[in-house]
Structures are given as structure tokens and as C-alpha cells.
Amino acid sequence: QVQLVESGGGLVQPGGSLRLSCAASGSIFGINPMGWFRQAPGKQRELVARITSGGNTYYADSVKGRFTISRNGVINTVYLQMNSLKPEDTAVYYCHLLHQWQDYWGQGTQVTVSS
């Protein structure tokens, strides 16, 4: 069993910054691909950013240049630094991990961008 615990969400004004963290624990070994998804009310869950076991990164066009994903591979922890936040970034953000061909999800953390 693998558990993902997220932290760092909250309320921020437009133009502000937040840093999300996600730590994996349980029956897990090696360095695994991880990522962040988000889901806004009434919309489908979408990929925000991901990072491979080798450290390669991918970003959705809507967040390129504003968000940065990074990881501490030793402890399977992934971070999402979010800068220049916009109201349209408001969503529940979910951490994702792929381990032995299975998908694992965190419980989600709310990010609200509003003045």
C-alpha cells in the first residue's frame, strides 16, 4: 500500500505564490514518476506537471513559465512551486505517483486564487 500526503494549499491573491508538497510512504521502492493534477469545479481533472524517474519534466501550456516541479528522489517527495498565480489556477490539486504500473493519488489540497 502506498500513501501520498499533500500539503501547502491555501488562499492567495492573484500574482502570489504557493508551494505544494507531496510525500509518498508505504510499500514503495525506487524513484518513481510523480506529478500534479488539478480539478476545478465542473471540469475534468487535468495534468499540471510531471517529473520522470530520470528527472525530466513536463508542463501543461497553461502553467509553463509560472510553475516548477521538482523532487527529492531519495524520499519520493515532489514539490510544485507556483508563481504568478491566476484566478483560473483555482482548483483542487492532486499528487500522483506511478509505482509498478499502478496509479496512486493523494487526497487533494485546495488552491484558491482570489482577491
C-alpha atoms as a PDB file:
ATOM      1  CA  GLN A   1       0.000   0.000   0.000  1.00  0.00           C
ATOM      2  CA  VAL A   2       1.248   3.436  -0.959  1.00  0.00           C
ATOM      3  CA  GLN A   3       0.100   6.651   0.671  1.00  0.00           C
ATOM      4  CA  LEU A   4       0.529  10.179  -0.658  1.00  0.00           C
ATOM      5  CA  VAL A   5       0.186  13.135   1.686  1.00  0.00           C
ATOM      6  CA  GLU A   6      -0.072  16.628   0.244  1.00  0.00           C
ATOM      7  CA  SER A   7       0.372  19.972   1.930  1.00  0.00           C
ATOM      8  CA  GLY A   8       0.772  23.629   1.061  1.00  0.00           C
ATOM      9  CA  GLY A   9      -2.544  24.668  -0.427  1.00  0.00           C
ATOM     10  CA  GLY A  10      -4.466  27.750   0.627  1.00  0.00           C
ATOM     11  CA  LEU A  11      -5.814  31.135  -0.361  1.00  0.00           C
ATOM     12  CA  VAL A  12      -3.578  33.550  -2.226  1.00  0.00           C
ATOM     13  CA  GLN A  13      -4.094  36.789  -4.122  1.00  0.00           C
ATOM     14  CA  PRO A  14      -3.561  36.971  -7.883  1.00  0.00           C
ATOM     15  CA  GLY A  15       0.123  37.284  -8.633  1.00  0.00           C
ATOM     16  CA  GLY A  16       1.075  35.473  -5.454  1.00  0.00           C
ATOM     17  CA  SER A  17       2.921  32.218  -4.895  1.00  0.00           C
ATOM     18  CA  LEU A  18       2.351  28.890  -3.202  1.00  0.00           C
ATOM     19  CA  ARG A  19       4.445  25.766  -2.823  1.00  0.00           C
ATOM     20  CA  LEU A  20       2.793  22.362  -2.721  1.00  0.00           C
ATOM     21  CA  SER A  21       4.497  19.294  -1.287  1.00  0.00           C
ATOM     22  CA  CYS A  22       3.666  15.609  -1.607  1.00  0.00           C
ATOM     23  CA  ALA A  23       5.358  12.831   0.313  1.00  0.00           C
ATOM     24  CA  ALA A  24       4.969   9.176  -0.550  1.00  0.00           C
ATOM     25  CA  SER A  25       5.224   6.402   2.012  1.00  0.00           C
ATOM     26  CA  GLY A  26       4.396   2.748   2.422  1.00  0.00           C
ATOM     27  CA  SER A  27       5.303  -0.208   0.217  1.00  0.00           C
ATOM     28  CA  ILE A  28       7.334   1.741  -2.273  1.00  0.00           C
ATOM     29  CA  PHE A  29      10.866   1.490  -3.544  1.00  0.00           C
ATOM     30  CA  GLY A  30      12.986   3.149  -6.165  1.00  0.00           C
ATOM     31  CA  ILE A  31      12.487   6.532  -7.758  1.00  0.00           C
ATOM     32  CA  ASN A  32       9.046   6.712  -9.340  1.00  0.00           C
ATOM     33  CA  PRO A  33       7.405   9.069 -11.815  1.00  0.00           C
ATOM     34  CA  MET A  34       5.337  11.645  -9.954  1.00  0.00           C
ATOM     35  CA  GLY A  35       3.179  14.574 -10.888  1.00  0.00           C
ATOM     36  CA  TRP A  36       0.451  17.059 -10.084  1.00  0.00           C
ATOM     37  CA  PHE A  37      -3.052  17.188 -11.481  1.00  0.00           C
ATOM     38  CA  ARG A  38      -5.831  19.634 -10.727  1.00  0.00           C
ATOM     39  CA  GLN A  39      -9.588  19.703 -10.947  1.00  0.00           C
ATOM     40  CA  ALA A  40     -11.679  22.836 -10.952  1.00  0.00           C
ATOM     41  CA  PRO A  41     -15.424  22.774 -10.207  1.00  0.00           C
ATOM     42  CA  GLY A  42     -17.349  21.420 -13.158  1.00  0.00           C
ATOM     43  CA  LYS A  43     -14.208  20.497 -15.070  1.00  0.00           C
ATOM     44  CA  GLN A  44     -12.245  17.336 -15.708  1.00  0.00           C
ATOM     45  CA  ARG A  45      -9.061  16.560 -13.874  1.00  0.00           C
ATOM     46  CA  GLU A  46      -6.079  17.767 -15.877  1.00  0.00           C
ATOM     47  CA  LEU A  47      -2.354  17.238 -15.778  1.00  0.00           C
ATOM     48  CA  VAL A  48      -0.420  20.232 -14.493  1.00  0.00           C
ATOM     49  CA  ALA A  49       3.155  18.954 -14.354  1.00  0.00           C
ATOM     50  CA  ARG A  50       5.030  15.713 -14.072  1.00  0.00           C
ATOM     51  CA  ILE A  51       8.559  14.535 -13.477  1.00  0.00           C
ATOM     52  CA  THR A  52      10.019  11.232 -14.557  1.00  0.00           C
ATOM     53  CA  SER A  53      12.221   8.953 -12.534  1.00  0.00           C
ATOM     54  CA  GLY A  54      15.131  10.356 -14.528  1.00  0.00           C
ATOM     55  CA  GLY A  55      14.218  13.953 -13.683  1.00  0.00           C
ATOM     56  CA  ASN A  56      12.682  15.021 -16.994  1.00  0.00           C
ATOM     57  CA  THR A  57       9.791  17.437 -16.592  1.00  0.00           C
ATOM     58  CA  TYR A  58       6.605  18.235 -18.487  1.00  0.00           C
ATOM     59  CA  TYR A  59       4.225  21.148 -18.011  1.00  0.00           C
ATOM     60  CA  ALA A  60       0.772  21.999 -19.262  1.00  0.00           C
ATOM     61  CA  ASP A  61       0.870  25.013 -21.565  1.00  0.00           C
ATOM     62  CA  SER A  62      -1.266  26.995 -19.140  1.00  0.00           C
ATOM     63  CA  VAL A  63       1.391  26.868 -16.403  1.00  0.00           C
ATOM     64  CA  LYS A  64       4.653  26.958 -18.379  1.00  0.00           C
ATOM     65  CA  GLY A  65       6.979  29.640 -17.090  1.00  0.00           C
ATOM     66  CA  ARG A  66       4.998  30.031 -13.865  1.00  0.00           C
ATOM     67  CA  PHE A  67       5.094  26.601 -12.175  1.00  0.00           C
ATOM     68  CA  THR A  68       8.115  24.449 -11.397  1.00  0.00           C
ATOM     69  CA  ILE A  69       8.033  20.804 -10.409  1.00  0.00           C
ATOM     70  CA  SER A  70      10.939  19.273  -8.518  1.00  0.00           C
ATOM     71  CA  ARG A  71      11.603  16.220  -6.432  1.00  0.00           C
ATOM     72  CA  ASN A  72      13.671  14.652  -3.738  1.00  0.00           C
ATOM     73  CA  GLY A  73      14.080  11.254  -5.301  1.00  0.00           C
ATOM     74  CA  VAL A  74      15.633   9.675  -2.264  1.00  0.00           C
ATOM     75  CA  ILE A  75      12.435  10.015  -0.291  1.00  0.00           C
ATOM     76  CA  ASN A  76       9.899  10.133  -3.152  1.00  0.00           C
ATOM     77  CA  THR A  77       8.767  13.636  -2.403  1.00  0.00           C
ATOM     78  CA  VAL A  78       7.617  16.010  -5.093  1.00  0.00           C
ATOM     79  CA  TYR A  79       7.100  19.767  -4.964  1.00  0.00           C
ATOM     80  CA  LEU A  80       5.190  22.240  -7.090  1.00  0.00           C
ATOM     81  CA  GLN A  81       6.315  25.850  -6.886  1.00  0.00           C
ATOM     82  CA  MET A  82       3.533  28.024  -8.223  1.00  0.00           C
ATOM     83  CA  ASN A  83       4.292  31.664  -9.048  1.00  0.00           C
ATOM     84  CA  SER A  84       2.271  34.428 -10.691  1.00  0.00           C
ATOM     85  CA  LEU A  85      -0.923  32.656  -9.728  1.00  0.00           C
ATOM     86  CA  LYS A  86      -4.115  33.499 -11.577  1.00  0.00           C
ATOM     87  CA  PRO A  87      -7.760  33.058 -10.611  1.00  0.00           C
ATOM     88  CA  GLU A  88      -8.024  30.321 -13.224  1.00  0.00           C
ATOM     89  CA  ASP A  89      -5.467  28.296 -11.266  1.00  0.00           C
ATOM     90  CA  THR A  90      -8.104  27.804  -8.576  1.00  0.00           C
ATOM     91  CA  ALA A  91      -8.690  24.069  -8.174  1.00  0.00           C
ATOM     92  CA  VAL A  92      -8.098  21.050  -6.004  1.00  0.00           C
ATOM     93  CA  TYR A  93      -4.566  19.866  -6.681  1.00  0.00           C
ATOM     94  CA  TYR A  94      -3.816  16.149  -6.552  1.00  0.00           C
ATOM     95  CA  CYS A  95      -0.472  14.451  -6.268  1.00  0.00           C
ATOM     96  CA  HIS A  96       0.076  11.382  -8.443  1.00  0.00           C
ATOM     97  CA  LEU A  97       2.616   8.589  -8.339  1.00  0.00           C
ATOM     98  CA  LEU A  98       3.125   5.660 -10.671  1.00  0.00           C
ATOM     99  CA  HIS A  99       4.599   2.605  -8.970  1.00  0.00           C
ATOM    100  CA  GLN A 100       4.820  -0.825 -10.517  1.00  0.00           C
ATOM    101  CA  TRP A 101       2.270   0.127 -13.165  1.00  0.00           C
ATOM    102  CA  GLN A 102      -0.284   1.264 -10.588  1.00  0.00           C
ATOM    103  CA  ASP A 103      -1.610   4.788 -10.102  1.00  0.00           C
ATOM    104  CA  TYR A 104      -1.720   6.316  -6.649  1.00  0.00           C
ATOM    105  CA  TRP A 105      -3.383   9.590  -5.696  1.00  0.00           C
ATOM    106  CA  GLY A 106      -3.249  11.974  -2.794  1.00  0.00           C
ATOM    107  CA  GLN A 107      -6.350  13.275  -1.080  1.00  0.00           C
ATOM    108  CA  GLY A 108      -6.091  16.668  -2.762  1.00  0.00           C
ATOM    109  CA  THR A 109      -5.310  20.142  -1.496  1.00  0.00           C
ATOM    110  CA  GLN A 110      -7.363  23.225  -2.291  1.00  0.00           C
ATOM    111  CA  VAL A 111      -5.712  26.188  -4.001  1.00  0.00           C
ATOM    112  CA  THR A 112      -7.813  29.330  -4.258  1.00  0.00           C
ATOM    113  CA  VAL A 113      -6.574  32.424  -6.090  1.00  0.00           C
ATOM    114  CA  SER A 114      -8.760  35.388  -5.310  1.00  0.00           C
ATOM    115  CA  SER A 115      -8.557  38.999  -4.271  1.00  0.00           C
END
